[in-house]
Amino acid sequence: MPATNHRSTSDVLLALVREFAGERISIQDIINGLGERSFGFVLLLFGLLSAVAPPGVATFTAMPLMFFGLQMLAGYATPWLPDFIAKRDMTRGDLQKTLERGVPIMQRIERFCRPRYLFLIGSTGERLLGLLVFVLAVVIALPGPLTNGPPGLAIAFMSIAIIERDGLLVLAGVLASCVALYLGYLGLHLFIDHVVPAAWEFLVSTWALIVGGA
């Protein structure tokens, strides 16, 4: 069997972080390190971060995803971020640990990846995927249970398909995104119906105590 130099998505992303020289790594460092393949990889990175991050932190990780989704929709060849986002950094060790948590999931997906149905990831297909990524990122930024995990995993799933040029897997990712959007809707509905009224009641009662004790 002929030798192959193909490296899996998870290997490339982990190697970038492990081999980075500094103790802190910025979003721009990641984009620069990945070069022309960076769109798929940054979607994977922030999709995974969004999936495992607490709701408040997930709002931050959703911001780059919104930018990337709109840029894909506009037909950008490589991702761009404004400085106030691009220069945000994190410790290399923490980022590596987060990625390592997602590696088993990535490896299971990668086993089924191969280039096929390329018409689904042509220029028009990638623009439509950009719109879907943007919508999923908006859901991630919203408060509530299930608003960050399922959409983040759906983005990570589709990003591997984009990197590996697997149109069939992209289609599966779109279906997974529909499920993630529905779960996000349920989580937001739960937050509005139960958490918001309880928080409002607490604030009102606290204010009444403060005013009454004044």
N, C-alpha and C. Protein backbone atom coordinates (compact mmCIF):
# COMPACT_ATOMS: atom_id res chain seq x y z
N MET A 1 0.86 -1.19 0.00
CA MET A 1 0.00 0.00 0.00
C MET A 1 0.89 1.23 0.00
N PRO A 2 0.64 2.23 -0.86
CA PRO A 2 1.48 3.41 -0.91
C PRO A 2 1.37 4.23 0.36
N ALA A 3 2.47 4.84 0.73
CA ALA A 3 2.48 5.66 1.95
C ALA A 3 1.67 6.92 1.72
N THR A 4 1.10 7.45 2.77
CA THR A 4 0.32 8.67 2.68
C THR A 4 0.82 9.67 3.71
N ASN A 5 0.84 10.94 3.30
CA ASN A 5 1.27 12.00 4.19
C ASN A 5 0.08 12.72 4.82
N HIS A 6 -1.10 12.19 4.60
CA HIS A 6 -2.28 12.85 5.13
C HIS A 6 -2.29 12.83 6.65
N ARG A 7 -2.51 13.99 7.25
CA ARG A 7 -2.62 14.10 8.69
C ARG A 7 -4.06 14.40 9.05
N SER A 8 -4.54 13.76 10.08
CA SER A 8 -5.93 13.96 10.48
C SER A 8 -6.12 15.38 11.01
N THR A 9 -7.37 15.80 11.01
CA THR A 9 -7.72 17.13 11.51
C THR A 9 -7.28 17.31 12.95
N SER A 10 -7.55 16.31 13.78
CA SER A 10 -7.20 16.42 15.20
C SER A 10 -5.69 16.51 15.39
N ASP A 11 -4.91 15.76 14.59
CA ASP A 11 -3.45 15.80 14.70
C ASP A 11 -2.91 17.19 14.37
N VAL A 12 -3.42 17.80 13.31
CA VAL A 12 -2.92 19.11 12.88
C VAL A 12 -3.21 20.17 13.93
N LEU A 13 -4.43 20.18 14.44
CA LEU A 13 -4.82 21.20 15.40
C LEU A 13 -4.07 21.04 16.72
N LEU A 14 -3.93 19.81 17.19
CA LEU A 14 -3.20 19.57 18.44
C LEU A 14 -1.72 19.91 18.29
N ALA A 15 -1.15 19.57 17.13
CA ALA A 15 0.26 19.86 16.91
C ALA A 15 0.53 21.35 16.93
N LEU A 16 -0.38 22.13 16.35
CA LEU A 16 -0.21 23.58 16.34
C LEU A 16 -0.12 24.12 17.77
N VAL A 17 -1.01 23.65 18.64
CA VAL A 17 -1.04 24.15 20.02
C VAL A 17 0.16 23.62 20.81
N ARG A 18 0.46 22.33 20.68
CA ARG A 18 1.56 21.74 21.45
C ARG A 18 2.91 22.35 21.08
N GLU A 19 3.09 22.69 19.81
CA GLU A 19 4.40 23.17 19.34
C GLU A 19 4.53 24.69 19.39
N PHE A 20 3.48 25.37 19.84
CA PHE A 20 3.56 26.83 19.92
C PHE A 20 4.59 27.23 20.96
N ALA A 21 5.40 28.24 20.65
CA ALA A 21 6.56 28.56 21.48
C ALA A 21 6.19 29.24 22.79
N GLY A 22 5.16 30.11 22.78
CA GLY A 22 4.84 30.87 23.98
C GLY A 22 3.93 30.13 24.95
N GLU A 23 3.76 30.72 26.14
CA GLU A 23 2.88 30.15 27.15
C GLU A 23 1.43 30.55 26.93
N ARG A 24 1.22 31.67 26.23
CA ARG A 24 -0.13 32.12 25.90
C ARG A 24 -0.26 32.20 24.39
N ILE A 25 -1.41 31.84 23.89
CA ILE A 25 -1.62 31.80 22.44
C ILE A 25 -2.90 32.58 22.12
N SER A 26 -2.80 33.47 21.15
CA SER A 26 -3.94 34.31 20.79
C SER A 26 -4.71 33.68 19.62
N ILE A 27 -5.90 34.20 19.40
CA ILE A 27 -6.70 33.72 18.27
C ILE A 27 -5.95 34.00 16.96
N GLN A 28 -5.29 35.16 16.87
CA GLN A 28 -4.55 35.48 15.65
C GLN A 28 -3.38 34.53 15.44
N ASP A 29 -2.72 34.10 16.52
CA ASP A 29 -1.64 33.12 16.40
C ASP A 29 -2.15 31.83 15.76
N ILE A 30 -3.35 31.42 16.17
CA ILE A 30 -3.93 30.19 15.63
C ILE A 30 -4.23 30.35 14.15
N ILE A 31 -4.85 31.48 13.79
CA ILE A 31 -5.18 31.73 12.38
C ILE A 31 -3.91 31.76 11.54
N ASN A 32 -2.87 32.45 12.03
CA ASN A 32 -1.61 32.53 11.28
C ASN A 32 -0.98 31.15 11.12
N GLY A 33 -1.05 30.33 12.16
CA GLY A 33 -0.42 29.02 12.10
C GLY A 33 -1.10 28.06 11.16
N LEU A 34 -2.40 28.25 10.93
CA LEU A 34 -3.15 27.32 10.08
C LEU A 34 -3.17 27.74 8.61
N GLY A 35 -2.86 28.99 8.33
CA GLY A 35 -2.75 29.43 6.94
C GLY A 35 -4.04 29.32 6.16
N GLU A 36 -3.95 28.87 4.91
CA GLU A 36 -5.10 28.87 4.01
C GLU A 36 -6.17 27.85 4.41
N ARG A 37 -5.82 26.91 5.27
CA ARG A 37 -6.81 25.93 5.73
C ARG A 37 -7.52 26.40 6.99
N SER A 38 -7.29 27.65 7.37
CA SER A 38 -7.69 28.08 8.70
C SER A 38 -9.19 28.15 8.92
N PHE A 39 -10.01 28.38 7.89
CA PHE A 39 -11.45 28.49 8.13
C PHE A 39 -12.01 27.26 8.84
N GLY A 40 -11.77 26.10 8.25
CA GLY A 40 -12.29 24.88 8.86
C GLY A 40 -11.75 24.65 10.25
N PHE A 41 -10.46 24.94 10.45
CA PHE A 41 -9.84 24.67 11.74
C PHE A 41 -10.32 25.63 12.83
N VAL A 42 -10.49 26.91 12.49
CA VAL A 42 -10.97 27.85 13.52
C VAL A 42 -12.42 27.54 13.87
N LEU A 43 -13.21 27.09 12.90
CA LEU A 43 -14.57 26.67 13.21
C LEU A 43 -14.55 25.47 14.16
N LEU A 44 -13.65 24.54 13.89
CA LEU A 44 -13.52 23.37 14.76
C LEU A 44 -13.11 23.78 16.17
N LEU A 45 -12.11 24.63 16.26
CA LEU A 45 -11.61 25.06 17.56
C LEU A 45 -12.69 25.75 18.38
N PHE A 46 -13.35 26.74 17.80
CA PHE A 46 -14.34 27.49 18.57
C PHE A 46 -15.65 26.74 18.72
N GLY A 47 -15.92 25.81 17.82
CA GLY A 47 -17.06 24.93 18.02
C GLY A 47 -16.85 24.06 19.25
N LEU A 48 -15.65 23.48 19.38
CA LEU A 48 -15.35 22.65 20.55
C LEU A 48 -15.33 23.47 21.83
N LEU A 49 -14.71 24.65 21.78
CA LEU A 49 -14.67 25.51 22.97
C LEU A 49 -16.08 25.89 23.41
N SER A 50 -16.94 26.19 22.44
CA SER A 50 -18.32 26.56 22.75
C SER A 50 -19.08 25.39 23.36
N ALA A 51 -18.78 24.19 22.89
CA ALA A 51 -19.49 23.00 23.37
C ALA A 51 -19.18 22.68 24.82
N VAL A 52 -17.96 22.98 25.27
CA VAL A 52 -17.56 22.60 26.63
C VAL A 52 -17.51 23.78 27.58
N ALA A 53 -17.67 25.00 27.07
CA ALA A 53 -17.55 26.18 27.91
C ALA A 53 -18.82 26.42 28.72
N PRO A 54 -18.70 27.02 29.91
CA PRO A 54 -19.89 27.44 30.67
C PRO A 54 -20.67 28.48 29.86
N PRO A 55 -21.97 28.63 30.10
CA PRO A 55 -22.79 29.56 29.31
C PRO A 55 -22.22 30.97 29.19
N GLY A 56 -21.70 31.55 30.27
CA GLY A 56 -21.15 32.90 30.18
C GLY A 56 -19.94 32.98 29.28
N VAL A 57 -19.05 31.99 29.37
CA VAL A 57 -17.85 31.95 28.53
C VAL A 57 -18.22 31.65 27.09
N ALA A 58 -19.25 30.84 26.89
CA ALA A 58 -19.67 30.47 25.53
C ALA A 58 -20.09 31.69 24.73
N THR A 59 -20.58 32.73 25.41
CA THR A 59 -20.93 33.97 24.70
C THR A 59 -19.70 34.57 24.04
N PHE A 60 -18.55 34.50 24.73
CA PHE A 60 -17.30 35.00 24.15
C PHE A 60 -16.84 34.14 22.97
N THR A 61 -16.92 32.81 23.11
CA THR A 61 -16.47 31.94 22.02
C THR A 61 -17.41 32.02 20.81
N ALA A 62 -18.64 32.46 21.03
CA ALA A 62 -19.59 32.59 19.92
C ALA A 62 -19.27 33.78 19.02
N MET A 63 -18.62 34.79 19.58
CA MET A 63 -18.36 36.01 18.80
C MET A 63 -17.49 35.74 17.57
N PRO A 64 -16.34 35.04 17.71
CA PRO A 64 -15.56 34.72 16.50
C PRO A 64 -16.35 33.87 15.51
N LEU A 65 -17.17 32.94 16.01
CA LEU A 65 -17.96 32.10 15.12
C LEU A 65 -18.93 32.93 14.28
N MET A 66 -19.51 33.97 14.88
CA MET A 66 -20.40 34.85 14.12
C MET A 66 -19.63 35.53 12.98
N PHE A 67 -18.45 36.05 13.30
CA PHE A 67 -17.62 36.70 12.28
C PHE A 67 -17.26 35.72 11.17
N PHE A 68 -16.84 34.50 11.55
CA PHE A 68 -16.43 33.52 10.55
C PHE A 68 -17.60 33.11 9.67
N GLY A 69 -18.78 32.92 10.27
CA GLY A 69 -19.94 32.54 9.49
C GLY A 69 -20.30 33.60 8.46
N LEU A 70 -20.28 34.87 8.85
CA LEU A 70 -20.59 35.95 7.92
C LEU A 70 -19.54 36.05 6.81
N GLN A 71 -18.27 35.81 7.17
CA GLN A 71 -17.22 35.87 6.16
C GLN A 71 -17.33 34.73 5.15
N MET A 72 -17.70 33.54 5.62
CA MET A 72 -17.95 32.43 4.69
C MET A 72 -19.11 32.77 3.76
N LEU A 73 -20.15 33.37 4.32
CA LEU A 73 -21.30 33.77 3.51
C LEU A 73 -20.90 34.79 2.45
N ALA A 74 -19.96 35.66 2.80
CA ALA A 74 -19.49 36.69 1.87
C ALA A 74 -18.44 36.17 0.89
N GLY A 75 -17.95 34.93 1.09
CA GLY A 75 -16.99 34.35 0.16
C GLY A 75 -15.53 34.63 0.48
N TYR A 76 -15.22 34.98 1.73
CA TYR A 76 -13.82 35.21 2.11
C TYR A 76 -13.02 33.92 1.94
N ALA A 77 -11.75 34.05 1.53
CA ALA A 77 -10.89 32.87 1.38
C ALA A 77 -10.27 32.46 2.70
N THR A 78 -9.96 33.43 3.55
CA THR A 78 -9.37 33.15 4.87
C THR A 78 -10.09 34.00 5.92
N PRO A 79 -10.09 33.55 7.16
CA PRO A 79 -10.81 34.29 8.20
C PRO A 79 -10.08 35.55 8.62
N TRP A 80 -10.86 36.53 9.06
CA TRP A 80 -10.33 37.79 9.59
C TRP A 80 -11.14 38.16 10.82
N LEU A 81 -10.46 38.73 11.82
CA LEU A 81 -11.13 39.19 13.02
C LEU A 81 -10.61 40.57 13.40
N PRO A 82 -11.45 41.42 13.94
CA PRO A 82 -10.95 42.71 14.46
C PRO A 82 -9.99 42.48 15.61
N ASP A 83 -9.12 43.44 15.83
CA ASP A 83 -8.05 43.26 16.82
C ASP A 83 -8.57 42.95 18.22
N PHE A 84 -9.70 43.55 18.61
CA PHE A 84 -10.16 43.34 19.98
C PHE A 84 -10.57 41.88 20.24
N ILE A 85 -10.84 41.13 19.16
CA ILE A 85 -11.09 39.70 19.30
C ILE A 85 -9.84 38.90 18.97
N ALA A 86 -9.16 39.26 17.88
CA ALA A 86 -8.01 38.49 17.41
C ALA A 86 -6.88 38.45 18.43
N LYS A 87 -6.74 39.50 19.23
CA LYS A 87 -5.64 39.56 20.19
C LYS A 87 -5.98 38.94 21.54
N ARG A 88 -7.22 38.49 21.70
CA ARG A 88 -7.57 37.79 22.94
C ARG A 88 -6.78 36.49 23.00
N ASP A 89 -6.21 36.20 24.15
CA ASP A 89 -5.38 35.00 24.25
C ASP A 89 -5.79 34.14 25.43
N MET A 90 -5.21 32.97 25.48
CA MET A 90 -5.47 32.02 26.57
C MET A 90 -4.18 31.24 26.79
N THR A 91 -4.09 30.56 27.92
CA THR A 91 -2.88 29.78 28.16
C THR A 91 -2.86 28.58 27.22
N ARG A 92 -1.68 28.30 26.73
CA ARG A 92 -1.53 27.18 25.80
C ARG A 92 -1.93 25.86 26.45
N GLY A 93 -1.58 25.70 27.75
CA GLY A 93 -1.92 24.46 28.44
C GLY A 93 -3.42 24.23 28.55
N ASP A 94 -4.17 25.29 28.89
CA ASP A 94 -5.62 25.16 29.00
C ASP A 94 -6.25 24.82 27.66
N LEU A 95 -5.76 25.48 26.59
CA LEU A 95 -6.30 25.20 25.26
C LEU A 95 -6.00 23.77 24.85
N GLN A 96 -4.80 23.30 25.16
CA GLN A 96 -4.43 21.92 24.82
C GLN A 96 -5.32 20.92 25.54
N LYS A 97 -5.59 21.16 26.82
CA LYS A 97 -6.45 20.26 27.58
C LYS A 97 -7.86 20.21 27.00
N THR A 98 -8.37 21.38 26.59
CA THR A 98 -9.71 21.43 26.01
C THR A 98 -9.76 20.64 24.70
N LEU A 99 -8.75 20.81 23.87
CA LEU A 99 -8.72 20.08 22.60
C LEU A 99 -8.59 18.58 22.83
N GLU A 100 -7.77 18.21 23.80
CA GLU A 100 -7.59 16.78 24.07
C GLU A 100 -8.88 16.12 24.54
N ARG A 101 -9.73 16.89 25.21
CA ARG A 101 -11.04 16.36 25.61
C ARG A 101 -11.90 16.05 24.39
N GLY A 102 -11.72 16.84 23.32
CA GLY A 102 -12.53 16.63 22.13
C GLY A 102 -11.93 15.68 21.11
N VAL A 103 -10.67 15.27 21.30
CA VAL A 103 -9.99 14.41 20.33
C VAL A 103 -10.71 13.08 20.10
N PRO A 104 -11.17 12.37 21.14
CA PRO A 104 -11.87 11.10 20.88
C PRO A 104 -13.09 11.28 19.97
N ILE A 105 -13.83 12.36 20.16
CA ILE A 105 -14.99 12.63 19.29
C ILE A 105 -14.52 12.88 17.87
N MET A 106 -13.47 13.72 17.73
CA MET A 106 -12.97 14.04 16.39
C MET A 106 -12.47 12.78 15.68
N GLN A 107 -11.77 11.93 16.41
CA GLN A 107 -11.21 10.73 15.78
C GLN A 107 -12.29 9.77 15.29
N ARG A 108 -13.39 9.70 16.04
CA ARG A 108 -14.49 8.84 15.60
C ARG A 108 -15.11 9.37 14.30
N ILE A 109 -15.20 10.68 14.19
CA ILE A 109 -15.74 11.27 12.96
C ILE A 109 -14.77 11.09 11.80
N GLU A 110 -13.47 11.27 12.07
CA GLU A 110 -12.46 11.21 11.02
C GLU A 110 -12.38 9.83 10.36
N ARG A 111 -12.75 8.79 11.08
CA ARG A 111 -12.70 7.45 10.49
C ARG A 111 -13.60 7.32 9.26
N PHE A 112 -14.65 8.11 9.23
CA PHE A 112 -15.61 8.00 8.14
C PHE A 112 -15.39 9.05 7.04
N CYS A 113 -14.37 9.89 7.23
CA CYS A 113 -14.16 11.01 6.29
C CYS A 113 -13.38 10.59 5.05
N ARG A 114 -13.84 11.07 3.92
CA ARG A 114 -13.07 10.99 2.67
C ARG A 114 -13.68 11.98 1.68
N PRO A 115 -12.91 12.46 0.71
CA PRO A 115 -13.47 13.41 -0.26
C PRO A 115 -14.58 12.77 -1.09
N ARG A 116 -15.78 13.36 -1.08
CA ARG A 116 -16.91 12.86 -1.85
C ARG A 116 -18.00 13.93 -1.90
N TYR A 117 -18.86 13.81 -2.90
CA TYR A 117 -19.97 14.76 -3.09
C TYR A 117 -19.47 16.19 -2.94
N LEU A 118 -18.43 16.51 -3.70
CA LEU A 118 -17.77 17.80 -3.54
C LEU A 118 -18.66 18.97 -3.91
N PHE A 119 -19.72 18.73 -4.69
CA PHE A 119 -20.62 19.83 -5.06
C PHE A 119 -21.31 20.42 -3.83
N LEU A 120 -21.39 19.65 -2.74
CA LEU A 120 -22.02 20.14 -1.52
C LEU A 120 -21.12 21.10 -0.75
N ILE A 121 -19.82 21.11 -1.07
CA ILE A 121 -18.90 22.02 -0.38
C ILE A 121 -18.16 22.90 -1.38
N GLY A 122 -18.81 23.19 -2.51
CA GLY A 122 -18.27 24.15 -3.45
C GLY A 122 -18.50 25.56 -2.91
N SER A 123 -18.31 26.57 -3.77
CA SER A 123 -18.42 27.96 -3.30
C SER A 123 -19.82 28.28 -2.78
N THR A 124 -20.86 27.82 -3.49
CA THR A 124 -22.22 28.08 -3.03
C THR A 124 -22.51 27.32 -1.74
N GLY A 125 -22.06 26.06 -1.68
CA GLY A 125 -22.28 25.26 -0.48
C GLY A 125 -21.63 25.87 0.74
N GLU A 126 -20.40 26.39 0.59
CA GLU A 126 -19.71 26.98 1.74
C GLU A 126 -20.38 28.27 2.19
N ARG A 127 -20.94 29.03 1.24
CA ARG A 127 -21.67 30.25 1.62
C ARG A 127 -22.89 29.90 2.47
N LEU A 128 -23.62 28.87 2.05
CA LEU A 128 -24.80 28.46 2.82
C LEU A 128 -24.40 27.92 4.19
N LEU A 129 -23.28 27.20 4.24
CA LEU A 129 -22.79 26.72 5.52
C LEU A 129 -22.40 27.89 6.43
N GLY A 130 -21.87 28.95 5.84
CA GLY A 130 -21.54 30.14 6.61
C GLY A 130 -22.76 30.74 7.28
N LEU A 131 -23.87 30.77 6.54
CA LEU A 131 -25.11 31.27 7.12
C LEU A 131 -25.56 30.39 8.29
N LEU A 132 -25.44 29.08 8.11
CA LEU A 132 -25.83 28.15 9.17
C LEU A 132 -24.93 28.31 10.39
N VAL A 133 -23.63 28.48 10.18
CA VAL A 133 -22.69 28.69 11.29
C VAL A 133 -23.07 29.96 12.05
N PHE A 134 -23.42 31.01 11.33
CA PHE A 134 -23.80 32.27 11.98
C PHE A 134 -25.03 32.06 12.88
N VAL A 135 -26.04 31.37 12.36
CA VAL A 135 -27.26 31.12 13.14
C VAL A 135 -26.94 30.30 14.39
N LEU A 136 -26.12 29.26 14.23
CA LEU A 136 -25.74 28.43 15.37
C LEU A 136 -24.96 29.24 16.41
N ALA A 137 -24.10 30.15 15.93
CA ALA A 137 -23.32 30.98 16.85
C ALA A 137 -24.21 31.93 17.64
N VAL A 138 -25.25 32.45 17.00
CA VAL A 138 -26.20 33.31 17.72
C VAL A 138 -26.87 32.52 18.84
N VAL A 139 -27.24 31.27 18.56
CA VAL A 139 -27.86 30.42 19.58
C VAL A 139 -26.88 30.18 20.72
N ILE A 140 -25.60 29.94 20.40
CA ILE A 140 -24.59 29.71 21.44
C ILE A 140 -24.49 30.92 22.36
N ALA A 141 -24.60 32.12 21.80
CA ALA A 141 -24.46 33.34 22.59
C ALA A 141 -25.64 33.59 23.52
N LEU A 142 -26.77 32.92 23.28
CA LEU A 142 -27.96 33.13 24.10
C LEU A 142 -27.85 32.36 25.42
N PRO A 143 -28.49 32.86 26.48
CA PRO A 143 -28.45 32.15 27.76
C PRO A 143 -29.38 30.95 27.76
N GLY A 144 -29.12 30.02 28.66
CA GLY A 144 -30.01 28.88 28.80
C GLY A 144 -29.30 27.56 28.61
N PRO A 145 -29.85 26.48 29.17
CA PRO A 145 -29.27 25.14 28.97
C PRO A 145 -29.44 24.69 27.53
N LEU A 146 -28.50 23.90 27.05
CA LEU A 146 -28.53 23.32 25.70
C LEU A 146 -28.32 24.34 24.58
N THR A 147 -28.03 25.61 24.93
CA THR A 147 -27.82 26.59 23.87
C THR A 147 -26.38 26.64 23.38
N ASN A 148 -25.44 26.02 24.11
CA ASN A 148 -24.06 26.05 23.63
C ASN A 148 -23.52 24.68 23.25
N GLY A 149 -23.84 23.61 24.01
CA GLY A 149 -23.28 22.29 23.73
C GLY A 149 -23.66 21.73 22.36
N PRO A 150 -24.95 21.50 22.09
CA PRO A 150 -25.34 20.92 20.79
C PRO A 150 -24.95 21.78 19.59
N PRO A 151 -25.17 23.11 19.60
CA PRO A 151 -24.72 23.90 18.44
C PRO A 151 -23.21 23.90 18.26
N GLY A 152 -22.46 23.92 19.37
CA GLY A 152 -21.00 23.89 19.26
C GLY A 152 -20.51 22.60 18.64
N LEU A 153 -21.09 21.48 19.07
CA LEU A 153 -20.71 20.19 18.49
C LEU A 153 -21.11 20.10 17.03
N ALA A 154 -22.26 20.66 16.66
CA ALA A 154 -22.69 20.65 15.27
C ALA A 154 -21.71 21.41 14.39
N ILE A 155 -21.23 22.56 14.88
CA ILE A 155 -20.24 23.34 14.12
C ILE A 155 -18.93 22.55 14.00
N ALA A 156 -18.49 21.93 15.09
CA ALA A 156 -17.26 21.13 15.05
C ALA A 156 -17.40 19.98 14.06
N PHE A 157 -18.55 19.34 14.06
CA PHE A 157 -18.83 18.23 13.14
C PHE A 157 -18.70 18.70 11.68
N MET A 158 -19.36 19.82 11.38
CA MET A 158 -19.32 20.32 10.00
C MET A 158 -17.92 20.81 9.61
N SER A 159 -17.18 21.35 10.58
CA SER A 159 -15.85 21.86 10.25
C SER A 159 -14.91 20.73 9.82
N ILE A 160 -15.02 19.57 10.48
CA ILE A 160 -14.20 18.42 10.07
C ILE A 160 -14.57 18.01 8.65
N ALA A 161 -15.87 18.02 8.35
CA ALA A 161 -16.32 17.67 7.00
C ALA A 161 -15.78 18.66 5.97
N ILE A 162 -15.72 19.95 6.32
CA ILE A 162 -15.19 20.96 5.41
C ILE A 162 -13.71 20.72 5.16
N ILE A 163 -12.96 20.48 6.24
CA ILE A 163 -11.52 20.27 6.11
C ILE A 163 -11.22 19.02 5.27
N GLU A 164 -11.97 17.97 5.50
CA GLU A 164 -11.74 16.71 4.80
C GLU A 164 -12.43 16.65 3.43
N ARG A 165 -13.17 17.72 3.08
CA ARG A 165 -13.88 17.81 1.79
C ARG A 165 -14.88 16.66 1.62
N ASP A 166 -15.61 16.38 2.67
CA ASP A 166 -16.57 15.28 2.66
C ASP A 166 -17.99 15.85 2.61
N GLY A 167 -18.58 15.89 1.41
CA GLY A 167 -19.90 16.47 1.24
C GLY A 167 -20.99 15.69 1.95
N LEU A 168 -20.84 14.38 2.00
CA LEU A 168 -21.85 13.56 2.69
C LEU A 168 -21.86 13.88 4.18
N LEU A 169 -20.68 14.06 4.74
CA LEU A 169 -20.59 14.39 6.16
C LEU A 169 -21.12 15.80 6.42
N VAL A 170 -20.93 16.70 5.46
CA VAL A 170 -21.50 18.04 5.58
C VAL A 170 -23.02 17.96 5.68
N LEU A 171 -23.61 17.13 4.82
CA LEU A 171 -25.06 16.95 4.85
C LEU A 171 -25.51 16.40 6.21
N ALA A 172 -24.77 15.45 6.74
CA ALA A 172 -25.08 14.92 8.07
C ALA A 172 -24.94 16.02 9.13
N GLY A 173 -23.95 16.89 8.94
CA GLY A 173 -23.76 18.00 9.87
C GLY A 173 -24.91 18.99 9.83
N VAL A 174 -25.47 19.21 8.65
CA VAL A 174 -26.63 20.09 8.53
C VAL A 174 -27.82 19.52 9.29
N LEU A 175 -28.03 18.21 9.16
CA LEU A 175 -29.11 17.56 9.89
C LEU A 175 -28.88 17.66 11.40
N ALA A 176 -27.62 17.46 11.82
CA ALA A 176 -27.29 17.59 13.24
C ALA A 176 -27.52 19.02 13.72
N SER A 177 -27.28 19.99 12.84
CA SER A 177 -27.49 21.39 13.20
C SER A 177 -28.97 21.68 13.44
N CYS A 178 -29.82 21.06 12.63
CA CYS A 178 -31.27 21.25 12.83
C CYS A 178 -31.69 20.74 14.20
N VAL A 179 -31.14 19.58 14.59
CA VAL A 179 -31.43 19.04 15.92
C VAL A 179 -30.89 19.99 17.00
N ALA A 180 -29.66 20.50 16.79
CA ALA A 180 -29.04 21.40 17.76
C ALA A 180 -29.86 22.69 17.91
N LEU A 181 -30.38 23.21 16.81
CA LEU A 181 -31.19 24.43 16.88
C LEU A 181 -32.47 24.19 17.65
N TYR A 182 -33.06 23.03 17.46
CA TYR A 182 -34.28 22.70 18.19
C TYR A 182 -34.00 22.58 19.69
N LEU A 183 -32.89 21.90 20.04
CA LEU A 183 -32.53 21.78 21.45
C LEU A 183 -32.21 23.15 22.05
N GLY A 184 -31.55 24.00 21.27
CA GLY A 184 -31.26 25.35 21.74
C GLY A 184 -32.53 26.14 21.99
N TYR A 185 -33.52 25.96 21.09
CA TYR A 185 -34.81 26.62 21.27
C TYR A 185 -35.47 26.16 22.58
N LEU A 186 -35.42 24.85 22.85
CA LEU A 186 -36.01 24.33 24.09
C LEU A 186 -35.29 24.91 25.32
N GLY A 187 -33.95 24.99 25.25
CA GLY A 187 -33.19 25.53 26.36
C GLY A 187 -33.50 27.00 26.61
N LEU A 188 -33.61 27.79 25.53
CA LEU A 188 -33.92 29.21 25.68
C LEU A 188 -35.34 29.39 26.23
N HIS A 189 -36.25 28.56 25.74
CA HIS A 189 -37.64 28.62 26.22
C HIS A 189 -37.69 28.32 27.72
N LEU A 190 -36.92 27.32 28.16
CA LEU A 190 -36.86 26.98 29.57
C LEU A 190 -36.29 28.13 30.39
N PHE A 191 -35.27 28.78 29.87
CA PHE A 191 -34.64 29.91 30.57
C PHE A 191 -35.62 31.05 30.73
N ILE A 192 -36.35 31.38 29.66
CA ILE A 192 -37.28 32.51 29.70
C ILE A 192 -38.47 32.20 30.61
N ASP A 193 -38.95 30.97 30.57
CA ASP A 193 -40.15 30.61 31.34
C ASP A 193 -39.89 30.42 32.83
N HIS A 194 -38.67 29.99 33.20
CA HIS A 194 -38.42 29.64 34.59
C HIS A 194 -37.33 30.49 35.26
N VAL A 195 -36.20 30.66 34.58
CA VAL A 195 -35.08 31.37 35.21
C VAL A 195 -35.36 32.86 35.31
N VAL A 196 -35.83 33.47 34.21
CA VAL A 196 -36.07 34.92 34.21
C VAL A 196 -37.11 35.33 35.26
N PRO A 197 -38.28 34.67 35.33
CA PRO A 197 -39.25 35.06 36.38
C PRO A 197 -38.69 34.88 37.79
N ALA A 198 -37.94 33.81 38.03
CA ALA A 198 -37.37 33.58 39.35
C ALA A 198 -36.34 34.67 39.70
N ALA A 199 -35.53 35.04 38.74
CA ALA A 199 -34.54 36.10 38.97
C ALA A 199 -35.22 37.44 39.23
N TRP A 200 -36.27 37.72 38.47
CA TRP A 200 -37.00 38.97 38.65
C TRP A 200 -37.65 39.03 40.03
N GLU A 201 -38.25 37.92 40.45
CA GLU A 201 -38.88 37.86 41.77
C GLU A 201 -37.86 38.07 42.87
N PHE A 202 -36.67 37.49 42.69
CA PHE A 202 -35.61 37.67 43.68
C PHE A 202 -35.19 39.14 43.76
N LEU A 203 -35.01 39.79 42.61
CA LEU A 203 -34.60 41.20 42.59
C LEU A 203 -35.65 42.09 43.24
N VAL A 204 -36.91 41.81 42.92
CA VAL A 204 -38.00 42.63 43.48
C VAL A 204 -38.05 42.48 44.99
N SER A 205 -37.97 41.23 45.47
CA SER A 205 -38.03 41.00 46.92
C SER A 205 -36.82 41.60 47.63
N THR A 206 -35.64 41.51 47.00
CA THR A 206 -34.43 42.10 47.59
C THR A 206 -34.56 43.61 47.68
N TRP A 207 -35.06 44.23 46.61
CA TRP A 207 -35.23 45.67 46.59
C TRP A 207 -36.23 46.11 47.67
N ALA A 208 -37.31 45.31 47.84
CA ALA A 208 -38.32 45.63 48.85
C ALA A 208 -37.71 45.59 50.24
N LEU A 209 -36.83 44.60 50.49
CA LEU A 209 -36.16 44.51 51.79
C LEU A 209 -35.25 45.70 52.03
N ILE A 210 -34.53 46.12 50.98
CA ILE A 210 -33.60 47.25 51.10
C ILE A 210 -34.38 48.53 51.39
N VAL A 211 -35.45 48.75 50.63
CA VAL A 211 -36.25 49.97 50.81
C VAL A 211 -36.95 49.96 52.16
N GLY A 212 -37.46 48.76 52.53
CA GLY A 212 -38.16 48.67 53.81
C GLY A 212 -37.26 48.86 55.00
N GLY A 213 -35.97 48.49 54.83
CA GLY A 213 -35.04 48.62 55.95
C GLY A 213 -34.36 49.97 56.00
N ALA A 214 -34.61 50.79 54.96
CA ALA A 214 -33.93 52.10 54.91
C ALA A 214 -34.53 53.08 55.94
